[in-house]
Amino acid sequence: MPVERVQLRLVLLDLVAEAQNLVLCGQLGVKYAYCIHELNANRQRLASRYFSQVDSPKLREFRELCAGLLAEQAQGDLFDVVTFMSGVEVAAHPPGARDLGGWGPSRPLCVTSKYL
């Protein structure tokens, strides 16, 4: 078996479990599976659901769908939650906060941010 083919098959391990099961059962062709491997888990599930609901999806149409989902995913990555949240400080009792009585582990923590 050629090395390239093995490498392509290893890409299928990036799929969510539901998509892998569709491939194993023969319901999702390998060429279709390659289209979704770069998508995140939620978008892989969306593409798999679309594939399951359409009677006979054309590969070209499915590739276009996946390209749109990938573009949407890339736009979503422009907002980096980790970087945004690095400016948030969590304090059990921030300076200047009123004593609400009973403040402790059973009560939610106060979240303050230098961006507010």
Foldseek 3Di string as FASTA:
>chain_A
DDPVVVVLVVLLVLADPVVVVCPVVVNAPSLLSSLQSVADHVVSVVLVVVSVVDDDDDSVVSSVSSVVRVVVVVVVVVDPVVVVCVQKDWDQADPPDDPPPPRDDVDDTDIDGPVD
